[in-house]
Protein backbone atom coordinates (compact mmCIF):
# COMPACT_ATOMS: atom_id res chain seq x y z
CA MET A 1 131.61 80.65 48.91
CA ASP A 2 133.24 81.33 52.23
CA LEU A 3 132.03 84.91 52.08
CA VAL A 4 128.50 83.77 51.26
CA ARG A 5 128.52 81.19 54.02
CA GLY A 6 129.87 83.81 56.46
CA ALA A 7 127.13 86.28 55.57
CA ALA A 8 124.48 83.56 55.84
CA SER A 9 125.76 82.45 59.23
CA ARG A 10 125.63 86.01 60.53
CA THR A 11 122.05 86.62 59.36
CA PRO A 12 120.29 84.95 62.35
CA ALA A 13 122.53 86.79 64.78
CA LEU A 14 121.94 90.10 63.00
CA ALA A 15 118.18 89.51 62.92
CA SER A 16 118.20 88.68 66.62
CA LEU A 17 120.13 91.87 67.34
CA VAL A 18 117.64 93.95 65.35
CA LEU A 19 114.70 92.34 67.16
CA LEU A 20 116.42 92.94 70.49
CA VAL A 21 116.88 96.64 69.69
CA ILE A 22 113.24 96.96 68.61
CA TRP A 23 112.05 95.19 71.77
CA ALA A 24 114.27 97.33 73.99
CA THR A 25 113.00 100.52 72.32
CA ALA A 26 109.39 99.43 72.80
CA ALA A 27 110.08 98.52 76.42
CA ARG A 28 111.59 101.95 77.07
CA ALA A 29 108.54 103.59 75.48
CA GLU A 30 106.29 101.73 77.92
CA ASP A 31 108.42 102.49 80.97
CA PRO A 32 106.89 105.88 81.90
CA GLN A 33 103.36 104.44 81.88
CA ARG A 34 104.50 101.42 83.88
CA LEU A 35 106.35 103.59 86.41
CA VAL A 36 103.26 105.72 86.94
CA GLN A 37 101.03 102.68 87.39
CA GLN A 38 103.44 101.09 89.87
CA ALA A 39 103.69 104.32 91.85
CA VAL A 40 99.90 104.71 91.93
CA GLN A 41 99.40 101.14 93.14
CA THR A 42 102.08 101.63 95.81
CA GLU A 43 100.52 104.86 97.06
CA LEU A 44 97.02 103.41 97.19
CA ALA A 45 98.22 100.32 99.05
CA ALA A 46 100.16 102.49 101.51
CA ASN A 47 97.12 104.68 102.16
CA ASN A 48 95.00 101.63 102.91
CA SER A 49 97.51 100.04 105.28
CA ASP A 50 99.06 103.09 106.96
CA ASP A 51 97.96 103.42 110.60
CA THR A 52 100.85 105.61 111.73
CA LYS A 53 100.06 108.79 113.62
CA TRP A 54 102.17 111.94 113.42
CA LEU A 55 102.73 115.23 115.17
CA PHE A 56 103.87 118.08 112.92
CA TYR A 57 104.04 121.85 112.56
CA GLU A 58 101.82 123.36 109.87
CA VAL A 59 101.64 126.78 108.24
CA ASP A 60 98.49 127.25 106.18
CA ARG A 61 98.01 130.37 104.06
CA THR A 62 94.77 130.99 102.22
CA ALA A 63 93.37 134.19 100.71
CA GLY A 64 93.46 136.72 103.53
CA HIS A 65 94.19 134.24 106.33
CA THR A 66 97.22 132.50 107.82
CA ASP A 67 97.29 129.87 110.58
CA LYS A 68 100.38 128.49 112.28
CA LYS A 69 99.71 125.39 114.34
CA TRP A 70 100.86 122.11 115.74
CA VAL A 71 98.81 119.09 114.67
CA ALA A 72 98.59 115.66 116.32
CA GLU A 73 96.87 112.77 114.56
CA THR A 74 94.77 110.25 116.50
CA SER A 75 92.46 107.42 115.48
CA LYS A 76 89.48 109.71 116.23
CA GLY A 77 90.74 112.72 114.33
CA SER A 78 93.41 115.39 114.23
CA LEU A 79 93.82 117.73 117.19
CA GLU A 80 95.18 121.21 116.47
CA ARG A 81 97.01 123.68 118.70
CA VAL A 82 96.79 127.00 116.86
CA VAL A 83 99.71 129.16 118.03
CA GLU A 84 99.25 132.09 115.64
CA GLU A 85 96.38 133.53 113.61
CA ASN A 86 97.04 136.22 111.01
CA GLY A 87 100.28 137.26 112.70
CA HIS A 88 98.78 137.38 116.21
CA ALA A 89 100.03 134.88 118.78
CA THR A 90 97.37 133.02 120.78
CA SER A 91 97.68 132.46 124.52
CA GLN A 92 98.07 128.99 125.99
CA GLN A 93 94.64 129.41 127.53
CA GLN A 94 93.13 130.08 124.10
CA GLN A 95 95.02 127.11 122.65
CA ARG A 96 93.80 124.73 125.37
CA SER A 97 90.24 126.06 125.20
CA LYS A 98 90.02 125.41 121.47
CA MET A 99 91.44 121.90 121.82
CA GLU A 100 89.14 121.05 124.72
CA SER A 101 86.18 122.29 122.71
CA PHE A 102 87.03 119.90 119.87
CA ILE A 103 87.72 116.97 122.23
CA HIS A 104 84.20 117.27 123.68
CA ASP A 105 82.43 117.98 120.37
CA GLY A 106 81.44 114.68 118.75
CA ASP A 107 79.77 116.48 115.83
CA ALA A 108 82.96 118.39 114.97
CA GLN A 109 84.96 115.16 115.09
CA ALA A 110 82.43 113.38 112.87
CA LYS A 111 82.52 116.24 110.35
CA GLN A 112 86.32 116.17 110.27
CA ARG A 113 86.33 112.40 109.64
CA LYS A 114 83.70 112.75 106.91
CA ASP A 115 85.69 115.52 105.19
CA ASP A 116 88.89 113.46 105.44
CA GLN A 117 87.17 110.40 103.98
CA HIS A 118 85.79 112.50 101.12
CA ASP A 119 89.23 113.92 100.36
CA ASP A 120 90.87 110.49 100.59
CA LYS A 121 88.34 109.04 98.14
CA GLN A 122 88.74 111.92 95.70
CA SER A 123 92.53 111.64 95.88
CA ALA A 124 92.31 107.88 95.26
CA ASP A 125 89.98 108.47 92.31
CA MET A 126 92.40 110.96 90.78
CA LEU A 127 95.38 108.65 91.34
CA ASN A 128 93.55 105.83 89.60
CA LEU A 129 93.08 108.05 86.54
CA MET A 130 96.67 109.22 86.23
CA ALA A 131 98.01 106.54 83.93
CA ARG A 132 95.06 106.93 81.52
CA ALA A 133 94.38 110.67 81.75
CA PHE A 134 97.83 111.70 80.52
CA ASP A 135 100.52 110.89 78.00
CA TRP A 136 103.82 110.35 79.84
CA THR A 137 107.44 110.80 78.78
CA GLU A 138 110.66 110.50 80.78
CA THR A 139 112.65 113.74 80.79
CA SER A 140 115.47 113.09 83.27
CA SER A 141 116.82 110.66 85.86
CA GLN A 142 119.07 111.28 88.85
CA GLY A 143 119.94 108.52 91.29
CA ASN A 144 116.74 106.76 92.30
CA ASP A 145 114.56 109.64 91.12
CA VAL A 146 113.05 109.83 87.65
CA THR A 147 111.19 112.87 86.27
CA LEU A 148 108.23 112.20 84.00
CA HIS A 149 106.44 114.87 81.98
CA PHE A 150 102.70 114.53 81.50
CA LYS A 151 100.24 116.22 79.17
CA PRO A 152 96.52 115.63 78.54
CA ASN A 153 95.66 112.45 76.69
CA PRO A 154 93.28 113.47 73.88
CA GLN A 155 91.74 109.98 73.92
CA PHE A 156 90.77 110.18 77.62
CA ASN A 157 87.09 110.74 78.47
CA PRO A 158 86.85 112.24 82.00
CA PRO A 159 84.04 110.59 84.01
CA THR A 160 83.40 113.51 86.42
CA TYR A 161 83.72 117.30 86.65
CA ALA A 162 86.73 116.90 88.96
CA ALA A 163 88.33 114.55 86.45
CA ARG A 164 87.79 117.12 83.68
CA VAL A 165 89.76 119.69 85.66
CA PHE A 166 92.42 117.15 86.55
CA ALA A 167 92.81 116.00 82.93
CA ALA A 168 93.37 119.58 81.72
CA MET A 169 96.73 119.73 83.52
CA GLU A 170 100.25 119.49 82.12
CA GLY A 171 103.38 119.19 84.22
CA ASP A 172 105.94 116.90 85.83
CA MET A 173 106.00 114.07 88.33
CA VAL A 174 109.07 112.83 90.18
CA ILE A 175 109.05 109.17 91.24
CA GLU A 176 111.48 107.46 93.58
CA LYS A 177 112.02 104.26 91.60
CA GLN A 178 113.38 101.96 94.31
CA HIS A 179 110.19 102.03 96.38
CA HIS A 180 107.81 103.39 93.70
CA ARG A 181 106.84 106.48 95.69
CA ILE A 182 105.65 109.81 94.32
CA VAL A 183 108.07 112.56 95.39
CA SER A 184 106.42 115.56 93.74
CA LEU A 185 103.66 116.51 91.33
CA LYS A 186 103.59 119.89 89.61
CA GLY A 187 101.23 121.09 86.94
CA ARG A 188 99.34 123.94 85.32
CA MET A 189 96.00 124.30 83.59
CA THR A 190 96.59 124.15 79.84
CA HIS A 191 93.13 125.36 78.85
CA ALA A 192 89.86 126.56 80.32
CA VAL A 193 87.37 124.01 81.64
CA LYS A 194 83.71 125.07 81.62
CA PHE A 195 80.74 123.18 83.02
CA LEU A 196 77.51 123.27 81.01
CA GLY A 197 78.93 126.00 78.83
CA GLY A 198 79.96 128.02 81.86
CA MET A 199 76.55 128.09 83.55
CA LEU A 200 77.90 125.97 86.41
CA GLY A 201 81.19 127.81 86.47
CA GLY A 202 84.59 126.75 85.26
CA ILE A 203 88.33 126.94 85.69
CA GLU A 204 90.54 129.42 83.85
CA PRO A 205 93.79 128.43 82.12
CA GLY A 206 97.14 129.17 83.72
CA GLY A 207 96.36 127.98 87.24
CA THR A 208 99.06 125.94 88.97
CA PHE A 209 99.49 123.32 91.66
CA ASN A 210 102.53 121.81 93.36
CA VAL A 211 102.59 118.92 95.83
CA GLU A 212 105.82 117.86 97.54
CA ARG A 213 106.27 114.67 99.58
CA ARG A 214 109.08 113.05 101.55
CA ASN A 215 109.92 110.02 103.65
CA THR A 216 109.27 111.12 107.24
CA GLY A 217 110.65 107.92 108.78
CA ASN A 218 110.25 104.15 108.74
CA GLY A 219 109.36 104.22 105.06
CA GLU A 220 106.28 106.41 105.66
CA TRP A 221 105.71 109.23 103.17
CA GLN A 222 103.82 112.43 103.94
CA ILE A 223 102.80 115.51 101.99
CA THR A 224 105.07 118.32 103.17
CA GLU A 225 104.00 121.11 100.81
CA THR A 226 100.84 121.93 98.89
CA HIS A 227 100.57 125.01 96.68
CA VAL A 228 97.31 125.49 94.79
CA HIS A 229 96.56 128.61 92.74
CA ILE A 230 93.55 127.83 90.59
CA HIS A 231 91.39 130.60 89.15
CA GLY A 232 87.69 130.03 88.62
CA ARG A 233 84.31 129.62 90.26
CA VAL A 234 84.46 125.88 90.88
CA LEU A 235 86.77 124.22 93.43
CA MET A 236 88.75 121.19 92.33
CA PHE A 237 88.91 119.72 95.84
CA LYS A 238 86.49 120.32 98.68
CA SER A 239 89.13 120.86 101.36
CA ILE A 240 91.59 122.91 99.27
CA SER A 241 90.80 126.51 98.48
CA GLU A 242 91.58 128.05 95.12
CA GLN A 243 94.48 129.98 96.64
CA GLU A 244 96.41 128.03 99.26
CA ASP A 245 99.99 127.50 100.37
CA ASN A 246 100.45 124.82 103.01
CA GLU A 247 103.71 123.60 104.54
CA LYS A 248 104.28 120.84 107.10
CA THR A 249 107.55 120.34 109.00
CA LYS A 250 109.00 118.86 112.21
CA PHE A 251 107.35 115.46 111.84
CA ARG A 252 107.47 113.15 114.87
CA GLU A 253 105.78 109.77 115.04
CA LEU A 254 103.20 109.20 117.79
CA PRO A 255 101.84 105.95 119.29
CA GLU A 256 99.10 104.47 117.08
CA ASN A 257 96.64 104.27 120.02
CA ILE A 258 97.24 107.80 121.31
CA SER A 259 94.17 109.43 122.91
CA PHE A 260 92.99 113.01 122.53
CA GLN A 261 94.16 113.79 126.07
CA GLN A 262 97.61 112.37 125.38
CA ALA A 263 97.74 114.21 122.06
CA GLU A 264 96.86 117.48 123.81
CA SER A 265 99.72 116.94 126.26
CA GLU A 266 102.17 116.26 123.40
CA LEU A 267 100.96 119.34 121.53
CA MET A 268 101.45 121.63 124.51
CA LYS A 269 105.06 120.43 124.81
CA ALA A 270 105.81 120.92 121.12
CA ASN A 271 107.97 123.85 120.10
């Protein structure tokens, strides 16, 4: 009798333990999806509220062309001081002339803002699809960083051509868990993507991309590296060529209300 009563008294506790294990396992299974969604929401909110302006050094390599330049952000656009083109240094007179030309060209400024708005919207659209477009699994964790592997979700129906290309990727994302920020995103095309059976072009399998980000100060995160090597006849992003390696370094925060003239002065002092 004592043994029976002991077993009976332990049954609720054992059942509770089993339920707790099941719940914990389910919660862990949902964690990658939740981490991605939190990171996406954080990045979108930061993009909408971030008014900081930065000066930085940029090296941009595309097929057959390389620019090395200093860039200063302003509320009217980004001013560039190109110091080297395809291995040839530019004179200070050439640098000033190009900057002055942009400062007095309202059409060029308007085009730059329109292109930036287009890219921002497309990036936001892609971020909003991330949790649904892929199946996510956690592969490793180190300190505040967690690495999540993603692969195409067969149940996802891409709403646009760009989304079709995006959803054909497989790779890894690193998230800084404390502040829910995306540290890096790397992927490759798992299969070909053709538009209207190839009549409108398509993307070949095997292409890769790699985006690296870091905290540049005061909790502000910036893209520091972009490597895109996509093969095909259709571009995934308007402002990113199929073959591009871009690196940004030497970040320094500028006043939010900095003018073009002040930005030009800061750029000429940068080294």
